[in-house]
C-alpha atoms as a PDB file:
ATOM      1  CA  MET A   1     -11.645   5.295   4.264  1.00  0.00           C
ATOM      2  CA  LEU A   2     -10.495   7.827   6.828  1.00  0.00           C
ATOM      3  CA  ILE A   3     -11.023   7.384  10.530  1.00  0.00           C
ATOM      4  CA  LYS A   4     -13.819   9.915  10.252  1.00  0.00           C
ATOM      5  CA  GLN A   5     -17.027   7.925   9.814  1.00  0.00           C
ATOM      6  CA  PRO A   6     -20.505   8.771   8.519  1.00  0.00           C
ATOM      7  CA  PRO A   7     -22.717   9.870  11.437  1.00  0.00           C
ATOM      8  CA  ASP A   8     -25.218   7.073  10.799  1.00  0.00           C
ATOM      9  CA  ILE A   9     -22.654   4.297  11.257  1.00  0.00           C
ATOM     10  CA  PRO A  10     -21.611   3.641  14.881  1.00  0.00           C
ATOM     11  CA  GLY A  11     -17.864   3.639  15.378  1.00  0.00           C
ATOM     12  CA  SER A  12     -18.078   0.214  16.955  1.00  0.00           C
ATOM     13  CA  GLU A  13     -19.132  -1.203  13.580  1.00  0.00           C
ATOM     14  CA  ILE A  14     -15.992   0.045  11.850  1.00  0.00           C
ATOM     15  CA  THR A  15     -13.209   0.518  14.360  1.00  0.00           C
ATOM     16  CA  SER A  16     -12.240  -1.799  17.189  1.00  0.00           C
ATOM     17  CA  GLU A  17     -11.753  -0.447  20.699  1.00  0.00           C
ATOM     18  CA  GLN A  18      -8.046  -1.272  20.537  1.00  0.00           C
ATOM     19  CA  ALA A  19      -7.632   0.650  17.286  1.00  0.00           C
ATOM     20  CA  PHE A  20      -9.390   3.624  18.872  1.00  0.00           C
ATOM     21  CA  LEU A  21      -7.053   3.530  21.869  1.00  0.00           C
ATOM     22  CA  ASN A  22      -4.063   3.327  19.548  1.00  0.00           C
ATOM     23  CA  ARG A  23      -5.303   6.408  17.716  1.00  0.00           C
ATOM     24  CA  ARG A  24      -5.595   8.345  20.963  1.00  0.00           C
ATOM     25  CA  GLN A  25      -2.011   7.456  21.837  1.00  0.00           C
ATOM     26  CA  PHE A  26      -0.934   8.441  18.326  1.00  0.00           C
ATOM     27  CA  MET A  27      -2.564  11.847  18.727  1.00  0.00           C
ATOM     28  CA  LYS A  28      -0.870  12.368  22.087  1.00  0.00           C
ATOM     29  CA  GLN A  29       2.469  11.891  20.388  1.00  0.00           C
ATOM     30  CA  GLY A  30       1.788  14.966  18.265  1.00  0.00           C
ATOM     31  CA  ALA A  31       0.749  13.426  14.965  1.00  0.00           C
ATOM     32  CA  ILE A  32      -1.934  15.199  12.964  1.00  0.00           C
ATOM     33  CA  LEU A  33      -5.188  13.491  12.092  1.00  0.00           C
ATOM     34  CA  GLY A  34      -5.989  13.754   8.393  1.00  0.00           C
ATOM     35  CA  ALA A  35      -9.737  14.246   8.602  1.00  0.00           C
ATOM     36  CA  GLY A  36     -10.098  15.955   5.258  1.00  0.00           C
ATOM     37  CA  VAL A  37      -6.898  16.051   3.167  1.00  0.00           C
ATOM     38  CA  GLY A  38      -8.901  17.351   0.246  1.00  0.00           C
ATOM     39  CA  ILE A  39     -10.725  14.064  -0.305  1.00  0.00           C
ATOM     40  CA  GLY A  40     -14.216  15.333   0.406  1.00  0.00           C
ATOM     41  CA  GLY A  41     -16.802  12.602   0.921  1.00  0.00           C
ATOM     42  CA  THR A  42     -14.526   9.621   0.589  1.00  0.00           C
ATOM     43  CA  ALA A  43     -14.670   9.003   4.324  1.00  0.00           C
ATOM     44  CA  GLN A  44     -18.132   7.628   3.639  1.00  0.00           C
ATOM     45  CA  ALA A  45     -17.314   5.826   0.412  1.00  0.00           C
ATOM     46  CA  GLY A  46     -14.374   3.576   1.192  1.00  0.00           C
ATOM     47  CA  LEU A  47     -15.607   1.587   4.160  1.00  0.00           C
ATOM     48  CA  GLN A  48     -18.755  -0.457   4.417  1.00  0.00           C
ATOM     49  CA  ALA A  49     -20.880  -0.762   7.561  1.00  0.00           C
ATOM     50  CA  ASP A  50     -19.401  -4.189   8.374  1.00  0.00           C
ATOM     51  CA  ASP A  51     -15.760  -3.270   7.682  1.00  0.00           C
ATOM     52  CA  GLU A  52     -14.251  -3.894  11.111  1.00  0.00           C
ATOM     53  CA  VAL A  53     -10.564  -3.231  11.577  1.00  0.00           C
ATOM     54  CA  THR A  54      -8.502  -6.401  11.224  1.00  0.00           C
ATOM     55  CA  PRO A  55      -6.747  -7.332  14.504  1.00  0.00           C
ATOM     56  CA  GLU A  56      -3.231  -5.967  14.775  1.00  0.00           C
ATOM     57  CA  ALA A  57      -1.810  -9.441  15.374  1.00  0.00           C
ATOM     58  CA  ILE A  58      -3.029 -10.520  11.934  1.00  0.00           C
ATOM     59  CA  VAL A  59      -1.974  -7.355  10.119  1.00  0.00           C
ATOM     60  CA  THR A  60       1.576  -7.744  11.439  1.00  0.00           C
ATOM     61  CA  SER A  61       1.907 -11.522  11.031  1.00  0.00           C
ATOM     62  CA  TYR A  62       0.126 -12.399   7.775  1.00  0.00           C
ATOM     63  CA  ASN A  63       2.213 -10.787   5.050  1.00  0.00           C
ATOM     64  CA  ASN A  64       3.590 -11.214   1.559  1.00  0.00           C
ATOM     65  CA  PHE A  65       7.168  -9.965   1.614  1.00  0.00           C
ATOM     66  CA  TYR A  66       9.147 -12.454  -0.463  1.00  0.00           C
ATOM     67  CA  GLU A  67      12.425 -10.830   0.474  1.00  0.00           C
ATOM     68  CA  PHE A  68      12.036 -12.823   3.700  1.00  0.00           C
ATOM     69  CA  GLY A  69      10.398 -15.988   2.379  1.00  0.00           C
ATOM     70  CA  THR A  70       7.290 -17.208   0.604  1.00  0.00           C
ATOM     71  CA  ASP A  71       5.223 -18.262   3.621  1.00  0.00           C
ATOM     72  CA  LYS A  72       2.861 -15.681   5.110  1.00  0.00           C
ATOM     73  CA  SER A  73       4.552 -16.064   8.490  1.00  0.00           C
ATOM     74  CA  ASP A  74       8.137 -15.667   7.208  1.00  0.00           C
ATOM     75  CA  PRO A  75       8.264 -11.846   7.295  1.00  0.00           C
ATOM     76  CA  ALA A  76       7.250 -11.709  10.958  1.00  0.00           C
ATOM     77  CA  LYS A  77       9.847 -14.377  11.751  1.00  0.00           C
ATOM     78  CA  TYR A  78      12.794 -12.949   9.858  1.00  0.00           C
ATOM     79  CA  ALA A  79      12.279  -9.274   9.033  1.00  0.00           C
ATOM     80  CA  HIS A  80      13.906  -8.189  12.290  1.00  0.00           C
ATOM     81  CA  GLU A  81      17.195  -9.065  10.582  1.00  0.00           C
ATOM     82  CA  MET A  82      16.785  -6.024   8.296  1.00  0.00           C
ATOM     83  CA  THR A  83      18.513  -2.819   9.432  1.00  0.00           C
ATOM     84  CA  ILE A  84      16.356   0.261   8.846  1.00  0.00           C
ATOM     85  CA  ASP A  85      18.445   2.935  10.539  1.00  0.00           C
ATOM     86  CA  PRO A  86      20.105   4.658   8.781  1.00  0.00           C
ATOM     87  CA  TRP A  87      17.912   4.595   5.658  1.00  0.00           C
ATOM     88  CA  THR A  88      18.810   6.351   2.425  1.00  0.00           C
ATOM     89  CA  VAL A  89      16.575   6.953  -0.586  1.00  0.00           C
ATOM     90  CA  GLU A  90      17.944   7.704  -4.048  1.00  0.00           C
ATOM     91  CA  VAL A  91      15.844  10.036  -6.207  1.00  0.00           C
ATOM     92  CA  SER A  92      16.595  10.143  -9.921  1.00  0.00           C
ATOM     93  CA  GLY A  93      15.168  10.807 -13.347  1.00  0.00           C
ATOM     94  CA  LYS A  94      13.073  13.674 -14.627  1.00  0.00           C
ATOM     95  CA  ALA A  95      13.067  15.977 -11.617  1.00  0.00           C
ATOM     96  CA  LYS A  96      14.881  19.123 -10.573  1.00  0.00           C
ATOM     97  CA  LYS A  97      16.067  17.794  -7.227  1.00  0.00           C
ATOM     98  CA  THR A  98      17.771  14.419  -7.407  1.00  0.00           C
ATOM     99  CA  GLY A  99      20.400  12.597  -5.393  1.00  0.00           C
ATOM    100  CA  LYS A 100      20.585  10.572  -2.207  1.00  0.00           C
ATOM    101  CA  PHE A 101      18.529  11.701   0.750  1.00  0.00           C
ATOM    102  CA  ALA A 102      18.176  10.515   4.337  1.00  0.00           C
ATOM    103  CA  PHE A 103      14.709   9.135   4.990  1.00  0.00           C
ATOM    104  CA  GLU A 104      14.175  11.455   7.939  1.00  0.00           C
ATOM    105  CA  ASP A 105      15.023  14.494   5.810  1.00  0.00           C
ATOM    106  CA  ILE A 106      12.459  13.537   3.168  1.00  0.00           C
ATOM    107  CA  ILE A 107       9.585  13.333   5.641  1.00  0.00           C
ATOM    108  CA  LYS A 108      10.734  16.209   7.882  1.00  0.00           C
ATOM    109  CA  GLY A 109       8.016  18.803   8.325  1.00  0.00           C
ATOM    110  CA  LEU A 110       5.325  16.735   6.619  1.00  0.00           C
ATOM    111  CA  ASP A 111       2.189  15.941   8.604  1.00  0.00           C
ATOM    112  CA  VAL A 112       1.471  12.295   9.305  1.00  0.00           C
ATOM    113  CA  GLU A 113      -2.166  11.361   8.804  1.00  0.00           C
ATOM    114  CA  GLU A 114      -4.159   8.323   9.847  1.00  0.00           C
ATOM    115  CA  ARG A 115      -6.417   6.535   7.401  1.00  0.00           C
ATOM    116  CA  ILE A 116      -8.311   3.284   7.628  1.00  0.00           C
ATOM    117  CA  TYR A 117      -8.182   1.567   4.238  1.00  0.00           C
ATOM    118  CA  ARG A 118      -9.551  -1.631   2.814  1.00  0.00           C
ATOM    119  CA  PHE A 119      -6.612  -3.762   1.634  1.00  0.00           C
ATOM    120  CA  ARG A 120      -7.211  -6.382  -1.080  1.00  0.00           C
ATOM    121  CA  CYS A 121      -4.596  -8.955  -2.082  1.00  0.00           C
ATOM    122  CA  VAL A 122      -4.573 -10.412  -5.592  1.00  0.00           C
ATOM    123  CA  GLU A 123      -4.718 -13.805  -3.853  1.00  0.00           C
ATOM    124  CA  ALA A 124      -8.351 -13.004  -2.900  1.00  0.00           C
ATOM    125  CA  TRP A 125      -7.919 -12.278   0.796  1.00  0.00           C
ATOM    126  CA  SER A 126      -8.448  -8.868   2.363  1.00  0.00           C
ATOM    127  CA  MET A 127      -8.019  -6.772   5.506  1.00  0.00           C
ATOM    128  CA  VAL A 128      -9.062  -3.405   6.926  1.00  0.00           C
ATOM    129  CA  VAL A 129      -5.992  -1.575   8.200  1.00  0.00           C
ATOM    130  CA  PRO A 130      -5.432   1.726  10.067  1.00  0.00           C
ATOM    131  CA  TRP A 131      -2.337   3.144   8.379  1.00  0.00           C
ATOM    132  CA  ASN A 132      -0.338   6.215   9.375  1.00  0.00           C
ATOM    133  CA  GLY A 133       1.433   8.037   6.596  1.00  0.00           C
ATOM    134  CA  ILE A 134       1.947  11.008   4.308  1.00  0.00           C
ATOM    135  CA  PRO A 135       0.124  11.659   1.028  1.00  0.00           C
ATOM    136  CA  LEU A 136       2.519  10.573  -1.700  1.00  0.00           C
ATOM    137  CA  LYS A 137       1.948  13.798  -3.611  1.00  0.00           C
ATOM    138  CA  LYS A 138       3.442  15.840  -0.764  1.00  0.00           C
ATOM    139  CA  ILE A 139       6.568  13.699  -0.818  1.00  0.00           C
ATOM    140  CA  LEU A 140       7.067  13.719  -4.568  1.00  0.00           C
ATOM    141  CA  GLU A 141       6.443  17.433  -4.991  1.00  0.00           C
ATOM    142  CA  GLN A 142       9.562  18.168  -2.959  1.00  0.00           C
ATOM    143  CA  PHE A 143      11.712  16.870  -5.812  1.00  0.00           C
ATOM    144  CA  GLU A 144      10.013  19.074  -8.418  1.00  0.00           C
ATOM    145  CA  PRO A 145       9.361  16.497 -11.161  1.00  0.00           C
ATOM    146  CA  SER A 146       9.414  17.907 -14.683  1.00  0.00           C
ATOM    147  CA  GLY A 147       6.546  17.933 -17.135  1.00  0.00           C
ATOM    148  CA  ASP A 148       8.168  14.972 -18.873  1.00  0.00           C
ATOM    149  CA  ALA A 149       7.670  12.798 -15.788  1.00  0.00           C
ATOM    150  CA  LYS A 150       4.679  10.640 -16.685  1.00  0.00           C
ATOM    151  CA  PHE A 151       5.402   7.784 -14.272  1.00  0.00           C
ATOM    152  CA  VAL A 152       7.172   7.232 -10.980  1.00  0.00           C
ATOM    153  CA  GLU A 153       9.049   4.013 -10.264  1.00  0.00           C
ATOM    154  CA  PHE A 154       9.822   2.576  -6.822  1.00  0.00           C
ATOM    155  CA  ARG A 155      12.422  -0.014  -5.890  1.00  0.00           C
ATOM    156  CA  THR A 156      12.770  -1.941  -2.685  1.00  0.00           C
ATOM    157  CA  LEU A 157      15.910  -2.701  -0.689  1.00  0.00           C
ATOM    158  CA  VAL A 158      18.354  -5.351  -1.899  1.00  0.00           C
ATOM    159  CA  ARG A 159      20.400  -6.729   0.979  1.00  0.00           C
ATOM    160  CA  PRO A 160      20.703 -10.522   0.811  1.00  0.00           C
ATOM    161  CA  ALA A 161      22.715 -10.678   4.019  1.00  0.00           C
ATOM    162  CA  GLU A 162      19.658  -9.406   5.907  1.00  0.00           C
ATOM    163  CA  MET A 163      16.853 -10.483   3.579  1.00  0.00           C
ATOM    164  CA  ARG A 164      17.052 -14.254   3.349  1.00  0.00           C
ATOM    165  CA  GLY A 165      14.443 -14.491   0.598  1.00  0.00           C
ATOM    166  CA  GLN A 166      16.892 -12.776  -1.728  1.00  0.00           C
ATOM    167  CA  ARG A 167      19.326 -15.626  -1.148  1.00  0.00           C
ATOM    168  CA  GLY A 168      17.294 -18.069  -3.206  1.00  0.00           C
ATOM    169  CA  LEU A 169      13.972 -18.921  -1.521  1.00  0.00           C
ATOM    170  CA  PHE A 170      12.172 -17.181  -4.379  1.00  0.00           C
ATOM    171  CA  SER A 171      14.962 -17.045  -6.914  1.00  0.00           C
ATOM    172  CA  SER A 172      12.725 -16.381  -9.921  1.00  0.00           C
ATOM    173  CA  ILE A 173      12.479 -12.738  -8.845  1.00  0.00           C
ATOM    174  CA  ASP A 174      15.129 -10.498 -10.328  1.00  0.00           C
ATOM    175  CA  TRP A 175      15.729  -8.278  -7.314  1.00  0.00           C
ATOM    176  CA  PRO A 176      15.062  -5.514  -6.509  1.00  0.00           C
ATOM    177  CA  TYR A 177      11.289  -5.624  -6.368  1.00  0.00           C
ATOM    178  CA  LEU A 178      10.022  -2.882  -8.646  1.00  0.00           C
ATOM    179  CA  GLU A 179       6.679  -1.094  -8.892  1.00  0.00           C
ATOM    180  CA  GLY A 180       5.335   2.044 -10.502  1.00  0.00           C
ATOM    181  CA  LEU A 181       2.419   4.416 -10.899  1.00  0.00           C
ATOM    182  CA  ARG A 182       1.270   6.973 -13.391  1.00  0.00           C
ATOM    183  CA  MET A 183       1.827  10.448 -12.005  1.00  0.00           C
ATOM    184  CA  ASP A 184      -1.897  11.129 -11.739  1.00  0.00           C
ATOM    185  CA  GLU A 185      -2.278   7.946  -9.675  1.00  0.00           C
ATOM    186  CA  ALA A 186       0.675   8.925  -7.506  1.00  0.00           C
ATOM    187  CA  TYR A 187      -0.772  12.399  -6.959  1.00  0.00           C
ATOM    188  CA  HIS A 188      -4.265  11.147  -6.132  1.00  0.00           C
ATOM    189  CA  PRO A 189      -5.298  12.118  -2.575  1.00  0.00           C
ATOM    190  CA  LEU A 190      -5.892   8.469  -1.606  1.00  0.00           C
ATOM    191  CA  THR A 191      -2.321   7.405  -2.422  1.00  0.00           C
ATOM    192  CA  LEU A 192      -0.325   7.204   0.787  1.00  0.00           C
ATOM    193  CA  MET A 193       3.303   6.619   1.713  1.00  0.00           C
ATOM    194  CA  VAL A 194       2.879   4.637   4.903  1.00  0.00           C
ATOM    195  CA  THR A 195       5.188   5.132   7.881  1.00  0.00           C
ATOM    196  CA  GLY A 196       3.167   3.391  10.575  1.00  0.00           C
ATOM    197  CA  VAL A 197       0.239   1.171  11.470  1.00  0.00           C
ATOM    198  CA  PHE A 198      -2.063   1.099  14.504  1.00  0.00           C
ATOM    199  CA  GLY A 199      -0.481   4.355  15.650  1.00  0.00           C
ATOM    200  CA  LYS A 200       2.977   2.791  15.888  1.00  0.00           C
ATOM    201  CA  ASP A 201       6.087   2.797  13.747  1.00  0.00           C
ATOM    202  CA  LEU A 202       5.757   0.505  10.756  1.00  0.00           C
ATOM    203  CA  PRO A 203       7.108  -2.980  11.618  1.00  0.00           C
ATOM    204  CA  ASN A 204       9.830  -4.408   9.407  1.00  0.00           C
ATOM    205  CA  GLN A 205       7.549  -7.171   8.163  1.00  0.00           C
ATOM    206  CA  ASN A 206       5.062  -4.572   6.913  1.00  0.00           C
ATOM    207  CA  GLY A 207       7.692  -2.668   4.934  1.00  0.00           C
ATOM    208  CA  ALA A 208       9.589  -0.402   7.337  1.00  0.00           C
ATOM    209  CA  PRO A 209      10.547   2.345   7.358  1.00  0.00           C
ATOM    210  CA  TRP A 210       8.026   3.224   4.642  1.00  0.00           C
ATOM    211  CA  ARG A 211       5.920   1.567   1.992  1.00  0.00           C
ATOM    212  CA  LEU A 212       3.406   2.550  -0.628  1.00  0.00           C
ATOM    213  CA  MET A 213      -0.353   2.142  -0.151  1.00  0.00           C
ATOM    214  CA  VAL A 214      -2.727   2.495  -3.113  1.00  0.00           C
ATOM    215  CA  PRO A 215      -6.045   1.220  -1.716  1.00  0.00           C
ATOM    216  CA  TRP A 216      -7.906   0.704  -5.000  1.00  0.00           C
ATOM    217  CA  LYS A 217      -5.201  -1.609  -6.374  1.00  0.00           C
ATOM    218  CA  TYR A 218      -4.191  -5.150  -5.480  1.00  0.00           C
ATOM    219  CA  GLY A 219      -1.679  -5.290  -2.672  1.00  0.00           C
ATOM    220  CA  PHE A 220       1.356  -6.210  -4.769  1.00  0.00           C
ATOM    221  CA  LYS A 221       1.403  -2.611  -6.062  1.00  0.00           C
ATOM    222  CA  SER A 222       2.138  -1.364  -2.552  1.00  0.00           C
ATOM    223  CA  VAL A 223       5.896  -1.863  -2.652  1.00  0.00           C
ATOM    224  CA  LYS A 224       7.670  -2.102   0.707  1.00  0.00           C
ATOM    225  CA  SER A 225      10.952  -0.798   2.193  1.00  0.00           C
ATOM    226  CA  ILE A 226      11.538   1.685  -0.622  1.00  0.00           C
ATOM    227  CA  VAL A 227      15.086   2.873  -1.346  1.00  0.00           C
ATOM    228  CA  SER A 228      14.659   4.378  -4.818  1.00  0.00           C
ATOM    229  CA  ILE A 229      12.247   6.813  -6.470  1.00  0.00           C
ATOM    230  CA  ARG A 230      12.702   7.457 -10.191  1.00  0.00           C
ATOM    231  CA  PHE A 231      10.675   9.829 -12.353  1.00  0.00           C
ATOM    232  CA  THR A 232      10.390   8.633 -15.937  1.00  0.00           C
ATOM    233  CA  ASP A 233       8.530   9.256 -19.182  1.00  0.00           C
ATOM    234  CA  ARG A 234       8.093   5.522 -19.782  1.00  0.00           C
ATOM    235  CA  GLN A 235       5.874   3.023 -18.023  1.00  0.00           C
ATOM    236  CA  PRO A 236       7.979   0.893 -15.663  1.00  0.00           C
ATOM    237  CA  ARG A 237       7.810  -2.871 -16.002  1.00  0.00           C
ATOM    238  CA  ASN A 238       6.794  -3.921 -12.509  1.00  0.00           C
ATOM    239  CA  THR A 239       8.130  -7.107 -10.968  1.00  0.00           C
ATOM    240  CA  TRP A 240       5.035  -9.322 -11.195  1.00  0.00           C
ATOM    241  CA  GLN A 241       4.290  -8.185 -14.723  1.00  0.00           C
ATOM    242  CA  ALA A 242       7.836  -9.152 -15.694  1.00  0.00           C
ATOM    243  CA  LEU A 243       7.511 -12.536 -13.962  1.00  0.00           C
ATOM    244  CA  GLN A 244       4.108 -13.525 -15.322  1.00  0.00           C
ATOM    245  CA  PRO A 245       2.641 -11.025 -17.810  1.00  0.00           C
ATOM    246  CA  SER A 246      -0.363 -13.242 -18.555  1.00  0.00           C
ATOM    247  CA  GLU A 247      -1.435 -13.049 -14.904  1.00  0.00           C
ATOM    248  CA  TYR A 248      -0.323  -9.632 -13.630  1.00  0.00           C
ATOM    249  CA  GLY A 249      -0.475  -6.268 -15.332  1.00  0.00           C
ATOM    250  CA  PHE A 250       0.859  -2.816 -14.602  1.00  0.00           C
ATOM    251  CA  TYR A 251      -2.367  -1.281 -13.306  1.00  0.00           C
ATOM    252  CA  ALA A 252      -3.549  -4.012 -10.894  1.00  0.00           C
ATOM    253  CA  ASN A 253      -6.851  -2.239 -10.232  1.00  0.00           C
ATOM    254  CA  VAL A 254      -9.211  -4.365  -8.149  1.00  0.00           C
ATOM    255  CA  ASN A 255     -11.787  -5.659 -10.628  1.00  0.00           C
ATOM    256  CA  PRO A 256     -14.246  -8.425  -9.685  1.00  0.00           C
ATOM    257  CA  GLU A 257     -15.148  -8.899 -13.359  1.00  0.00           C
ATOM    258  CA  VAL A 258     -11.604  -9.839 -14.416  1.00  0.00           C
ATOM    259  CA  SER A 259     -10.547 -13.200 -13.019  1.00  0.00           C
ATOM    260  CA  HIS A 260      -6.989 -14.189 -12.339  1.00  0.00           C
ATOM    261  CA  PRO A 261      -6.176 -17.049 -14.756  1.00  0.00           C
ATOM    262  CA  ARG A 262      -6.130 -19.445 -11.807  1.00  0.00           C
ATOM    263  CA  TRP A 263      -8.971 -18.128  -9.624  1.00  0.00           C
ATOM    264  CA  SER A 264     -11.954 -15.799  -9.592  1.00  0.00           C
ATOM    265  CA  GLN A 265     -11.687 -12.270  -8.236  1.00  0.00           C
ATOM    266  CA  ALA A 266     -15.453 -11.938  -7.763  1.00  0.00           C
ATOM    267  CA  ARG A 267     -15.191 -12.439  -4.009  1.00  0.00           C
ATOM    268  CA  GLU A 268     -12.617 -12.132  -1.259  1.00  0.00           C
ATOM    269  CA  ARG A 269     -11.842 -13.810   2.057  1.00  0.00           C
ATOM    270  CA  ARG A 270     -11.809 -11.147   4.770  1.00  0.00           C
ATOM    271  CA  LEU A 271      -9.399 -11.814   7.616  1.00  0.00           C
ATOM    272  CA  PRO A 272      -9.773 -13.066  10.282  1.00  0.00           C
ATOM    273  CA  SER A 273     -10.967 -16.179   8.549  1.00  0.00           C
ATOM    274  CA  SER A 274     -10.712 -19.935   8.957  1.00  0.00           C
ATOM    275  CA  LEU A 275     -11.369 -23.165   7.109  1.00  0.00           C
ATOM    276  CA  PHE A 276     -14.708 -23.553   8.882  1.00  0.00           C
ATOM    277  CA  ALA A 277     -15.609 -19.846   8.777  1.00  0.00           C
ATOM    278  CA  PRO A 278     -13.965 -18.474   5.610  1.00  0.00           C
ATOM    279  CA  ASN A 279     -15.734 -15.084   5.784  1.00  0.00           C
ATOM    280  CA  TRP A 280     -16.236 -14.647   2.042  1.00  0.00           C
ATOM    281  CA  ARG A 281     -17.714 -11.423   0.700  1.00  0.00           C
ATOM    282  CA  PRO A 282     -18.186  -9.819  -2.726  1.00  0.00           C
ATOM    283  CA  THR A 283     -15.223  -7.922  -4.168  1.00  0.00           C
ATOM    284  CA  LEU A 284     -16.022  -4.296  -4.919  1.00  0.00           C
ATOM    285  CA  PRO A 285     -14.823  -2.526  -8.077  1.00  0.00           C
ATOM    286  CA  PHE A 286     -11.693  -0.535  -7.300  1.00  0.00           C
ATOM    287  CA  ASN A 287     -11.892  -2.118  -3.827  1.00  0.00           C
ATOM    288  CA  GLY A 288     -14.770   0.196  -2.903  1.00  0.00           C
ATOM    289  CA  TYR A 289     -13.103   3.424  -4.056  1.00  0.00           C
ATOM    290  CA  ALA A 290     -14.694   3.676  -7.501  1.00  0.00           C
ATOM    291  CA  ASP A 291     -16.369   7.013  -6.807  1.00  0.00           C
ATOM    292  CA  GLU A 292     -12.961   8.539  -6.113  1.00  0.00           C
ATOM    293  CA  VAL A 293     -10.719   6.921  -8.734  1.00  0.00           C
ATOM    294  CA  ALA A 294     -12.752   5.528 -11.658  1.00  0.00           C
ATOM    295  CA  ASP A 295     -12.340   8.774 -13.590  1.00  0.00           C
ATOM    296  CA  LEU A 296      -8.582   8.143 -13.740  1.00  0.00           C
ATOM    297  CA  TYR A 297      -9.313   5.337 -16.207  1.00  0.00           C
ATOM    298  CA  ALA A 298     -12.098   6.877 -18.288  1.00  0.00           C
ATOM    299  CA  GLY A 299     -12.132   5.385 -21.762  1.00  0.00           C
ATOM    300  CA  MET A 300      -9.750   2.552 -20.881  1.00  0.00           C
ATOM    301  CA  ASP A 301     -10.690  -1.086 -21.370  1.00  0.00           C
ATOM    302  CA  LEU A 302      -9.998  -2.377 -17.863  1.00  0.00           C
ATOM    303  CA  SER A 303     -10.089  -5.989 -19.033  1.00  0.00           C
ATOM    304  CA  LYS A 304      -7.127  -5.145 -21.260  1.00  0.00           C
ATOM    305  CA  PHE A 305      -5.312  -2.688 -18.981  1.00  0.00           C
ATOM    306  CA  TYR A 306      -5.509  -4.964 -15.958  1.00  0.00           C
END
């Protein structure tokens, strides 16, 4: 999960040489490596011996970001049209400190950490990505949420002039894109607010200037280009749940035993992949992070709360 690896697994089996060089450059720039961050043994639990980092060219060109179009290549083609500086985030709801804040003020003084996470899309493809970011808990705590805050809701940018997908290419979405987490999920040490990838600033097509990353959930939970954080006592109705409640739920935990109505989730296609070499592999419960997060859902029927 983290860039720290078990001593019995050679680094070459997990991290590519290019990713290692990017990390060294990242460290030179003064960022702090999150080797522990209170997660204990999860460095050994998240990644498998054959989890090689997905090439940067794929991570930054194969994306779902419907604000720019429905094809996987559309975000890389068109996301440069989105202006990310200045960037303002509105914080509202059940918290002591609310209002509009500059992005740079929110993250000021918070240490950026690097973590390599498995990333699993609900469409049954997957990657292994070296993200740079800040634990979400550290960000949210600044606003002093009240005891009544049971959930946190995130909304993405709405700017049709710069986001062509909001002009009708996927008109069934009622923009803005909306996602949410329970507060205990948001405060979990694995939950990251991403600000970069491969030791570089986060590209627009990957959700600049920041996006959520919850590695045990399907990728659609990891909302991009966030402009709103709202603390609430009620479970938010996330975008895909609102669009197709029979196919997408609020929790979106990776579960190989619960099929999507139109395809199985029992296995995944790890990128890079091709028609002749599809690189299929078994899907792991909670995307391989069960030891760290399964207790969050103790007593819940995960076939019902999907």
